[in-house]
Amino acid sequence: MSKSFEALAPVFFGAAGVLFLALTAWTYFLHQQTRKLRSVWADLLTGTDGARVEAMIRDQLRLSHEIREELHATVDRVRVLEEKMRQSKRFVGVVRYNAFDDVGADQSFSLALYDDDGNGAVLTSQIGREVCRVFGKQIHAGKSDYPLSAEEQRAIEAAAQPSNRPRVGP
């Protein structure tokens, strides 16, 4: 058996040598990869101003918290503004007409102004040669406690038309 071992010894030692070289090359490759990773990790852990990652993360968390608080405050302000917008007298209807037979050019008018809930007023100005009359009537939910003239009613209806009601939001 020793003769067969002696015959196989060069093959065995040759294979062991090749395996040793392969493992040495693999170890060198892993060493280089580890050096690259350590370099990248060191760059990651140290900012350009020398700050450590923990400090950077704390700063980012603080900034995120501040932004979240500002967002909540902005949402609250938007809600207030939406309610004010809803109550603003922004829907307008105007009807011009001749209130008297002796005056032309549709100088008299009725003007309706109201909000999303139909609350507002109707102003009417009747122009004649010798007289100018102005009337104001409150509107609640699109109706008035006082009788409305046909022109005043038309002014309210004109303000209610979708083309006269610009919408903000949904």
N, C-alpha and C. Protein backbone atom coordinates (compact mmCIF):
# COMPACT_ATOMS: atom_id res chain seq x y z
N MET A 1 0.81 -1.18 0.00
CA MET A 1 0.00 0.00 0.00
C MET A 1 0.86 1.26 0.00
N SER A 2 2.04 1.10 0.54
CA SER A 2 2.92 2.24 0.55
C SER A 2 3.40 2.59 -0.85
N LYS A 3 3.49 1.53 -1.74
CA LYS A 3 3.88 1.82 -3.10
C LYS A 3 2.79 2.61 -3.82
N SER A 4 1.56 2.27 -3.58
CA SER A 4 0.48 2.98 -4.24
C SER A 4 0.35 4.40 -3.69
N PHE A 5 0.64 4.56 -2.39
CA PHE A 5 0.61 5.92 -1.82
C PHE A 5 1.72 6.76 -2.39
N GLU A 6 2.90 6.15 -2.55
CA GLU A 6 4.03 6.87 -3.12
C GLU A 6 3.73 7.27 -4.56
N ALA A 7 2.98 6.44 -5.25
CA ALA A 7 2.64 6.75 -6.63
C ALA A 7 1.60 7.87 -6.70
N LEU A 8 0.72 7.88 -5.72
CA LEU A 8 -0.35 8.91 -5.71
C LEU A 8 0.06 10.18 -4.97
N ALA A 9 1.17 10.18 -4.28
CA ALA A 9 1.60 11.32 -3.49
C ALA A 9 1.76 12.57 -4.35
N PRO A 10 2.39 12.50 -5.51
CA PRO A 10 2.51 13.73 -6.29
C PRO A 10 1.15 14.27 -6.72
N VAL A 11 0.23 13.38 -7.05
CA VAL A 11 -1.11 13.83 -7.44
C VAL A 11 -1.80 14.46 -6.23
N PHE A 12 -1.69 13.80 -5.10
CA PHE A 12 -2.32 14.30 -3.87
C PHE A 12 -1.75 15.66 -3.49
N PHE A 13 -0.41 15.78 -3.49
CA PHE A 13 0.21 17.05 -3.13
C PHE A 13 -0.06 18.12 -4.19
N GLY A 14 -0.13 17.72 -5.43
CA GLY A 14 -0.49 18.67 -6.50
C GLY A 14 -1.90 19.20 -6.32
N ALA A 15 -2.84 18.30 -6.00
CA ALA A 15 -4.23 18.71 -5.77
C ALA A 15 -4.32 19.59 -4.53
N ALA A 16 -3.56 19.23 -3.50
CA ALA A 16 -3.56 20.03 -2.27
C ALA A 16 -2.97 21.41 -2.55
N GLY A 17 -1.95 21.47 -3.40
CA GLY A 17 -1.35 22.76 -3.76
C GLY A 17 -2.32 23.63 -4.53
N VAL A 18 -3.06 23.02 -5.49
CA VAL A 18 -4.05 23.77 -6.27
C VAL A 18 -5.16 24.26 -5.35
N LEU A 19 -5.61 23.40 -4.44
CA LEU A 19 -6.65 23.79 -3.48
C LEU A 19 -6.15 24.92 -2.59
N PHE A 20 -4.87 24.82 -2.17
CA PHE A 20 -4.29 25.88 -1.34
C PHE A 20 -4.27 27.21 -2.10
N LEU A 21 -3.85 27.18 -3.37
CA LEU A 21 -3.82 28.41 -4.16
C LEU A 21 -5.23 28.98 -4.38
N ALA A 22 -6.19 28.09 -4.62
CA ALA A 22 -7.57 28.55 -4.81
C ALA A 22 -8.10 29.18 -3.53
N LEU A 23 -7.85 28.56 -2.40
CA LEU A 23 -8.30 29.13 -1.12
C LEU A 23 -7.57 30.43 -0.81
N THR A 24 -6.32 30.52 -1.16
CA THR A 24 -5.56 31.77 -0.95
C THR A 24 -6.15 32.88 -1.81
N ALA A 25 -6.45 32.57 -3.08
CA ALA A 25 -7.06 33.57 -3.97
C ALA A 25 -8.44 33.99 -3.45
N TRP A 26 -9.22 33.02 -3.00
CA TRP A 26 -10.56 33.30 -2.46
C TRP A 26 -10.45 34.17 -1.21
N THR A 27 -9.49 33.88 -0.35
CA THR A 27 -9.27 34.67 0.87
C THR A 27 -8.87 36.10 0.50
N TYR A 28 -8.00 36.26 -0.50
CA TYR A 28 -7.59 37.59 -0.94
C TYR A 28 -8.80 38.37 -1.49
N PHE A 29 -9.62 37.68 -2.29
CA PHE A 29 -10.82 38.31 -2.84
C PHE A 29 -11.76 38.77 -1.71
N LEU A 30 -12.00 37.92 -0.74
CA LEU A 30 -12.87 38.27 0.40
C LEU A 30 -12.28 39.41 1.22
N HIS A 31 -10.95 39.41 1.36
CA HIS A 31 -10.28 40.50 2.08
C HIS A 31 -10.51 41.84 1.37
N GLN A 32 -10.38 41.82 0.04
CA GLN A 32 -10.61 43.05 -0.73
C GLN A 32 -12.07 43.52 -0.59
N GLN A 33 -13.02 42.60 -0.65
CA GLN A 33 -14.43 42.95 -0.50
C GLN A 33 -14.70 43.52 0.89
N THR A 34 -14.10 42.94 1.89
CA THR A 34 -14.26 43.43 3.27
C THR A 34 -13.69 44.83 3.40
N ARG A 35 -12.54 45.10 2.79
CA ARG A 35 -11.96 46.45 2.83
C ARG A 35 -12.89 47.47 2.18
N LYS A 36 -13.48 47.10 1.02
CA LYS A 36 -14.42 48.01 0.35
C LYS A 36 -15.63 48.28 1.23
N LEU A 37 -16.18 47.22 1.82
CA LEU A 37 -17.35 47.40 2.69
C LEU A 37 -17.01 48.25 3.91
N ARG A 38 -15.84 48.05 4.49
CA ARG A 38 -15.43 48.88 5.64
C ARG A 38 -15.30 50.34 5.24
N SER A 39 -14.77 50.58 4.05
CA SER A 39 -14.62 51.95 3.56
C SER A 39 -15.99 52.60 3.36
N VAL A 40 -16.91 51.86 2.72
CA VAL A 40 -18.26 52.38 2.51
C VAL A 40 -18.95 52.61 3.85
N TRP A 41 -18.81 51.68 4.77
CA TRP A 41 -19.43 51.79 6.09
C TRP A 41 -18.86 53.00 6.84
N ALA A 42 -17.55 53.20 6.73
CA ALA A 42 -16.94 54.36 7.40
C ALA A 42 -17.47 55.65 6.81
N ASP A 43 -17.63 55.70 5.48
CA ASP A 43 -18.20 56.89 4.85
C ASP A 43 -19.63 57.11 5.29
N LEU A 44 -20.37 56.02 5.43
CA LEU A 44 -21.77 56.13 5.86
C LEU A 44 -21.87 56.61 7.30
N LEU A 45 -21.00 56.12 8.15
CA LEU A 45 -21.07 56.48 9.56
C LEU A 45 -20.56 57.88 9.85
N THR A 46 -19.79 58.45 8.94
CA THR A 46 -19.26 59.79 9.16
C THR A 46 -19.76 60.69 8.05
N GLY A 47 -20.54 61.75 8.43
CA GLY A 47 -21.04 62.70 7.45
C GLY A 47 -19.94 63.64 7.02
N THR A 48 -20.25 64.49 6.07
CA THR A 48 -19.25 65.43 5.56
C THR A 48 -18.82 66.41 6.64
N ASP A 49 -19.71 66.68 7.58
CA ASP A 49 -19.34 67.61 8.65
C ASP A 49 -18.88 66.86 9.91
N GLY A 50 -18.65 65.57 9.76
CA GLY A 50 -18.16 64.80 10.89
C GLY A 50 -19.25 64.27 11.79
N ALA A 51 -20.51 64.48 11.46
CA ALA A 51 -21.61 63.99 12.30
C ALA A 51 -21.72 62.49 12.16
N ARG A 52 -22.08 61.85 13.23
CA ARG A 52 -22.26 60.40 13.21
C ARG A 52 -23.68 60.08 12.74
N VAL A 53 -23.85 58.85 12.29
CA VAL A 53 -25.14 58.44 11.76
C VAL A 53 -26.24 58.58 12.80
N GLU A 54 -25.94 58.25 14.05
CA GLU A 54 -26.97 58.36 15.09
C GLU A 54 -27.48 59.79 15.21
N ALA A 55 -26.56 60.75 15.15
CA ALA A 55 -26.95 62.15 15.23
C ALA A 55 -27.77 62.55 14.01
N MET A 56 -27.37 62.03 12.85
CA MET A 56 -28.11 62.35 11.63
C MET A 56 -29.52 61.77 11.70
N ILE A 57 -29.65 60.56 12.21
CA ILE A 57 -30.97 59.94 12.33
C ILE A 57 -31.83 60.72 13.32
N ARG A 58 -31.25 61.12 14.44
CA ARG A 58 -32.00 61.93 15.42
C ARG A 58 -32.48 63.24 14.79
N ASP A 59 -31.60 63.89 14.02
CA ASP A 59 -31.98 65.14 13.35
C ASP A 59 -33.12 64.90 12.36
N GLN A 60 -33.03 63.80 11.61
CA GLN A 60 -34.09 63.49 10.64
C GLN A 60 -35.42 63.19 11.35
N LEU A 61 -35.37 62.48 12.47
CA LEU A 61 -36.59 62.19 13.23
C LEU A 61 -37.20 63.48 13.79
N ARG A 62 -36.35 64.37 14.30
CA ARG A 62 -36.84 65.64 14.81
C ARG A 62 -37.48 66.45 13.68
N LEU A 63 -36.79 66.51 12.54
CA LEU A 63 -37.32 67.24 11.39
C LEU A 63 -38.64 66.64 10.91
N SER A 64 -38.71 65.32 10.89
CA SER A 64 -39.95 64.64 10.49
C SER A 64 -41.08 64.99 11.46
N HIS A 65 -40.79 65.04 12.74
CA HIS A 65 -41.81 65.40 13.74
C HIS A 65 -42.27 66.85 13.53
N GLU A 66 -41.34 67.76 13.27
CA GLU A 66 -41.70 69.16 13.02
C GLU A 66 -42.57 69.29 11.77
N ILE A 67 -42.21 68.57 10.73
CA ILE A 67 -43.00 68.62 9.49
C ILE A 67 -44.39 68.07 9.73
N ARG A 68 -44.50 67.00 10.50
CA ARG A 68 -45.81 66.42 10.81
C ARG A 68 -46.67 67.43 11.58
N GLU A 69 -46.08 68.13 12.54
CA GLU A 69 -46.83 69.14 13.29
C GLU A 69 -47.28 70.28 12.38
N GLU A 70 -46.40 70.72 11.49
CA GLU A 70 -46.77 71.78 10.54
C GLU A 70 -47.88 71.32 9.62
N LEU A 71 -47.84 70.06 9.20
CA LEU A 71 -48.88 69.52 8.33
C LEU A 71 -50.22 69.52 9.05
N HIS A 72 -50.24 69.10 10.32
CA HIS A 72 -51.49 69.10 11.08
C HIS A 72 -52.02 70.52 11.25
N ALA A 73 -51.12 71.47 11.51
CA ALA A 73 -51.55 72.87 11.64
C ALA A 73 -52.10 73.38 10.32
N THR A 74 -51.48 73.00 9.21
CA THR A 74 -51.95 73.43 7.89
C THR A 74 -53.32 72.84 7.59
N VAL A 75 -53.52 71.58 7.92
CA VAL A 75 -54.83 70.94 7.72
C VAL A 75 -55.89 71.67 8.53
N ASP A 76 -55.58 72.03 9.77
CA ASP A 76 -56.54 72.77 10.59
C ASP A 76 -56.86 74.13 9.97
N ARG A 77 -55.84 74.83 9.46
CA ARG A 77 -56.07 76.13 8.83
C ARG A 77 -56.92 75.98 7.57
N VAL A 78 -56.68 74.94 6.80
CA VAL A 78 -57.47 74.70 5.59
C VAL A 78 -58.93 74.46 5.96
N ARG A 79 -59.18 73.72 7.02
CA ARG A 79 -60.57 73.47 7.45
C ARG A 79 -61.26 74.79 7.81
N VAL A 80 -60.55 75.67 8.52
CA VAL A 80 -61.12 76.97 8.88
C VAL A 80 -61.41 77.77 7.61
N LEU A 81 -60.46 77.78 6.68
CA LEU A 81 -60.65 78.53 5.44
C LEU A 81 -61.79 77.96 4.61
N GLU A 82 -61.93 76.64 4.59
CA GLU A 82 -63.04 76.04 3.85
C GLU A 82 -64.38 76.46 4.46
N GLU A 83 -64.46 76.53 5.78
CA GLU A 83 -65.70 76.96 6.42
C GLU A 83 -65.97 78.43 6.13
N LYS A 84 -64.93 79.26 6.17
CA LYS A 84 -65.11 80.68 5.84
C LYS A 84 -65.53 80.83 4.38
N MET A 85 -64.93 80.03 3.51
CA MET A 85 -65.28 80.09 2.09
C MET A 85 -66.75 79.70 1.90
N ARG A 86 -67.19 78.71 2.63
CA ARG A 86 -68.58 78.26 2.54
C ARG A 86 -69.54 79.39 2.94
N GLN A 87 -69.12 80.21 3.90
CA GLN A 87 -69.97 81.29 4.40
C GLN A 87 -69.77 82.60 3.62
N SER A 88 -68.80 82.63 2.71
CA SER A 88 -68.57 83.87 1.98
C SER A 88 -69.68 84.09 0.95
N LYS A 89 -70.06 85.33 0.77
CA LYS A 89 -71.13 85.70 -0.16
C LYS A 89 -70.51 85.81 -1.54
N ARG A 90 -70.40 84.68 -2.22
CA ARG A 90 -69.66 84.64 -3.47
C ARG A 90 -70.50 84.31 -4.68
N PHE A 91 -71.77 84.00 -4.49
CA PHE A 91 -72.63 83.69 -5.63
C PHE A 91 -73.47 84.92 -5.95
N VAL A 92 -73.38 85.37 -7.19
CA VAL A 92 -73.96 86.65 -7.59
C VAL A 92 -74.89 86.46 -8.77
N GLY A 93 -76.01 87.10 -8.68
CA GLY A 93 -76.94 87.14 -9.80
C GLY A 93 -77.44 88.57 -9.97
N VAL A 94 -77.45 89.07 -11.20
CA VAL A 94 -77.89 90.45 -11.46
C VAL A 94 -78.95 90.41 -12.56
N VAL A 95 -80.02 91.15 -12.32
CA VAL A 95 -81.07 91.31 -13.34
C VAL A 95 -81.27 92.80 -13.53
N ARG A 96 -81.11 93.26 -14.76
CA ARG A 96 -81.35 94.68 -15.09
C ARG A 96 -82.70 94.77 -15.77
N TYR A 97 -83.42 95.87 -15.50
CA TYR A 97 -84.76 96.02 -16.08
C TYR A 97 -85.18 97.49 -16.00
N ASN A 98 -86.30 97.79 -16.64
CA ASN A 98 -86.91 99.12 -16.56
C ASN A 98 -88.01 99.06 -15.50
N ALA A 99 -87.80 99.77 -14.40
CA ALA A 99 -88.80 99.76 -13.33
C ALA A 99 -89.97 100.67 -13.66
N PHE A 100 -89.72 101.71 -14.44
CA PHE A 100 -90.76 102.68 -14.78
C PHE A 100 -90.83 102.85 -16.29
N ASP A 101 -92.02 103.18 -16.77
CA ASP A 101 -92.22 103.29 -18.22
C ASP A 101 -91.49 104.49 -18.82
N ASP A 102 -91.23 105.53 -18.02
CA ASP A 102 -90.64 106.74 -18.58
C ASP A 102 -89.11 106.72 -18.58
N VAL A 103 -88.50 105.62 -18.20
CA VAL A 103 -87.03 105.52 -18.15
C VAL A 103 -86.62 104.28 -18.95
N GLY A 104 -85.63 104.43 -19.80
CA GLY A 104 -85.16 103.30 -20.61
C GLY A 104 -83.78 102.84 -20.19
N ALA A 105 -83.17 102.01 -20.99
CA ALA A 105 -81.79 101.55 -20.85
C ALA A 105 -81.57 100.62 -19.66
N ASP A 106 -82.63 99.99 -19.17
CA ASP A 106 -82.51 99.01 -18.07
C ASP A 106 -81.62 99.52 -16.93
N GLN A 107 -81.94 100.70 -16.42
CA GLN A 107 -81.12 101.28 -15.36
C GLN A 107 -81.43 100.71 -13.99
N SER A 108 -82.60 100.14 -13.79
CA SER A 108 -82.93 99.51 -12.51
C SER A 108 -82.30 98.11 -12.48
N PHE A 109 -82.04 97.63 -11.26
CA PHE A 109 -81.46 96.29 -11.16
C PHE A 109 -81.80 95.64 -9.83
N SER A 110 -81.71 94.32 -9.81
CA SER A 110 -81.77 93.52 -8.59
C SER A 110 -80.50 92.69 -8.54
N LEU A 111 -79.86 92.70 -7.40
CA LEU A 111 -78.58 92.02 -7.21
C LEU A 111 -78.73 91.04 -6.05
N ALA A 112 -78.51 89.76 -6.31
CA ALA A 112 -78.56 88.73 -5.27
C ALA A 112 -77.14 88.28 -4.95
N LEU A 113 -76.82 88.24 -3.66
CA LEU A 113 -75.52 87.79 -3.16
C LEU A 113 -75.78 86.77 -2.06
N TYR A 114 -75.19 85.56 -2.19
CA TYR A 114 -75.36 84.61 -1.09
C TYR A 114 -74.25 83.57 -1.08
N ASP A 115 -74.25 82.76 -0.02
CA ASP A 115 -73.20 81.76 0.19
C ASP A 115 -73.69 80.37 -0.21
N ASP A 116 -72.89 79.36 0.14
CA ASP A 116 -73.22 77.97 -0.21
C ASP A 116 -74.54 77.52 0.39
N ASP A 117 -74.92 78.07 1.52
CA ASP A 117 -76.16 77.67 2.19
C ASP A 117 -77.36 78.50 1.75
N GLY A 118 -77.16 79.44 0.81
CA GLY A 118 -78.27 80.29 0.34
C GLY A 118 -78.57 81.44 1.27
N ASN A 119 -77.62 81.82 2.12
CA ASN A 119 -77.80 82.94 3.03
C ASN A 119 -77.11 84.18 2.46
N GLY A 120 -77.80 85.30 2.46
CA GLY A 120 -77.23 86.52 1.91
C GLY A 120 -78.26 87.62 1.85
N ALA A 121 -78.30 88.32 0.71
CA ALA A 121 -79.22 89.45 0.56
C ALA A 121 -79.53 89.69 -0.91
N VAL A 122 -80.66 90.38 -1.11
CA VAL A 122 -81.02 90.88 -2.43
C VAL A 122 -81.11 92.39 -2.32
N LEU A 123 -80.39 93.08 -3.18
CA LEU A 123 -80.45 94.55 -3.23
C LEU A 123 -81.13 94.94 -4.54
N THR A 124 -82.08 95.83 -4.42
CA THR A 124 -82.80 96.29 -5.60
C THR A 124 -82.73 97.81 -5.67
N SER A 125 -82.40 98.30 -6.85
CA SER A 125 -82.38 99.74 -7.07
C SER A 125 -83.32 100.02 -8.24
N GLN A 126 -84.33 100.85 -7.96
CA GLN A 126 -85.28 101.23 -9.01
C GLN A 126 -85.02 102.68 -9.37
N ILE A 127 -84.70 102.90 -10.63
CA ILE A 127 -84.32 104.22 -11.10
C ILE A 127 -85.46 104.79 -11.95
N GLY A 128 -85.90 106.00 -11.60
CA GLY A 128 -86.90 106.73 -12.37
C GLY A 128 -86.35 108.12 -12.69
N ARG A 129 -87.12 108.92 -13.42
CA ARG A 129 -86.67 110.28 -13.76
C ARG A 129 -86.57 111.15 -12.51
N GLU A 130 -87.48 111.00 -11.61
CA GLU A 130 -87.55 111.87 -10.43
C GLU A 130 -87.18 111.14 -9.13
N VAL A 131 -87.01 109.82 -9.21
CA VAL A 131 -86.87 109.07 -7.97
C VAL A 131 -85.88 107.92 -8.16
N CYS A 132 -85.21 107.59 -7.07
CA CYS A 132 -84.34 106.41 -7.03
C CYS A 132 -84.65 105.70 -5.71
N ARG A 133 -85.10 104.48 -5.79
CA ARG A 133 -85.45 103.70 -4.60
C ARG A 133 -84.47 102.53 -4.47
N VAL A 134 -84.06 102.25 -3.24
CA VAL A 134 -83.16 101.14 -2.97
C VAL A 134 -83.79 100.28 -1.89
N PHE A 135 -83.85 98.99 -2.14
CA PHE A 135 -84.43 98.04 -1.19
C PHE A 135 -83.40 96.95 -0.88
N GLY A 136 -83.39 96.50 0.34
CA GLY A 136 -82.52 95.38 0.72
C GLY A 136 -83.34 94.35 1.48
N LYS A 137 -83.18 93.10 1.11
CA LYS A 137 -83.92 92.02 1.78
C LYS A 137 -82.94 90.88 2.07
N GLN A 138 -83.03 90.37 3.29
CA GLN A 138 -82.17 89.24 3.67
C GLN A 138 -82.71 87.96 3.04
N ILE A 139 -81.77 87.04 2.80
CA ILE A 139 -82.12 85.72 2.27
C ILE A 139 -81.58 84.68 3.25
N HIS A 140 -82.43 83.74 3.63
CA HIS A 140 -82.03 82.61 4.47
C HIS A 140 -82.44 81.34 3.73
N ALA A 141 -81.47 80.48 3.44
CA ALA A 141 -81.71 79.23 2.71
C ALA A 141 -82.43 79.50 1.39
N GLY A 142 -82.07 80.59 0.72
CA GLY A 142 -82.63 80.89 -0.59
C GLY A 142 -84.00 81.55 -0.57
N LYS A 143 -84.51 81.86 0.62
CA LYS A 143 -85.84 82.48 0.73
C LYS A 143 -85.75 83.75 1.59
N SER A 144 -86.72 84.64 1.39
CA SER A 144 -86.75 85.88 2.15
C SER A 144 -88.02 85.94 2.99
N ASP A 145 -87.93 86.62 4.13
CA ASP A 145 -89.12 86.84 4.97
C ASP A 145 -90.04 87.87 4.34
N TYR A 146 -89.55 88.61 3.37
CA TYR A 146 -90.33 89.65 2.71
C TYR A 146 -90.71 89.17 1.31
N PRO A 147 -91.79 89.68 0.79
CA PRO A 147 -92.17 89.29 -0.58
C PRO A 147 -91.10 89.75 -1.57
N LEU A 148 -90.81 88.89 -2.53
CA LEU A 148 -89.80 89.19 -3.54
C LEU A 148 -90.48 89.56 -4.85
N SER A 149 -89.92 90.57 -5.51
CA SER A 149 -90.43 90.91 -6.84
C SER A 149 -89.96 89.85 -7.83
N ALA A 150 -90.55 89.87 -9.02
CA ALA A 150 -90.15 88.91 -10.05
C ALA A 150 -88.67 89.08 -10.40
N GLU A 151 -88.20 90.33 -10.43
CA GLU A 151 -86.80 90.60 -10.77
C GLU A 151 -85.86 90.08 -9.66
N GLU A 152 -86.27 90.28 -8.41
CA GLU A 152 -85.46 89.80 -7.30
C GLU A 152 -85.38 88.27 -7.33
N GLN A 153 -86.50 87.64 -7.61
CA GLN A 153 -86.52 86.18 -7.69
C GLN A 153 -85.64 85.70 -8.85
N ARG A 154 -85.66 86.39 -9.98
CA ARG A 154 -84.81 86.04 -11.12
C ARG A 154 -83.32 86.23 -10.77
N ALA A 155 -83.01 87.26 -9.99
CA ALA A 155 -81.62 87.49 -9.58
C ALA A 155 -81.13 86.33 -8.69
N ILE A 156 -81.98 85.87 -7.78
CA ILE A 156 -81.63 84.73 -6.93
C ILE A 156 -81.43 83.48 -7.79
N GLU A 157 -82.31 83.27 -8.73
CA GLU A 157 -82.19 82.11 -9.60
C GLU A 157 -80.93 82.19 -10.48
N ALA A 158 -80.60 83.40 -10.92
CA ALA A 158 -79.38 83.58 -11.73
C ALA A 158 -78.14 83.23 -10.90
N ALA A 159 -78.14 83.64 -9.63
CA ALA A 159 -76.99 83.31 -8.77
C ALA A 159 -76.90 81.82 -8.50
N ALA A 160 -78.03 81.14 -8.56
CA ALA A 160 -78.06 79.70 -8.28
C ALA A 160 -77.62 78.86 -9.47
N GLN A 161 -77.50 79.45 -10.65
CA GLN A 161 -77.11 78.69 -11.84
C GLN A 161 -75.70 78.14 -11.67
N PRO A 162 -75.49 76.90 -12.07
CA PRO A 162 -74.15 76.30 -11.93
C PRO A 162 -73.06 77.12 -12.62
N SER A 163 -73.37 77.76 -13.72
CA SER A 163 -72.35 78.55 -14.41
C SER A 163 -71.96 79.79 -13.61
N ASN A 164 -72.81 80.25 -12.70
CA ASN A 164 -72.49 81.41 -11.86
C ASN A 164 -71.88 81.00 -10.53
N ARG A 165 -71.77 79.69 -10.28
CA ARG A 165 -71.30 79.21 -8.99
C ARG A 165 -69.96 78.52 -9.13
N PRO A 166 -68.88 79.29 -9.15
CA PRO A 166 -67.58 78.62 -9.22
C PRO A 166 -67.34 77.80 -7.96
N ARG A 167 -66.85 76.61 -8.14
CA ARG A 167 -66.62 75.72 -7.00
C ARG A 167 -65.13 75.61 -6.73
N VAL A 168 -64.80 75.58 -5.45
CA VAL A 168 -63.44 75.33 -5.02
C VAL A 168 -63.47 74.02 -4.26
N GLY A 169 -62.72 73.09 -4.72
CA GLY A 169 -62.68 71.78 -4.05
C GLY A 169 -63.69 70.84 -4.66
N PRO A 170 -63.91 69.73 -3.97
CA PRO A 170 -64.79 68.69 -4.54
C PRO A 170 -66.23 69.10 -4.60
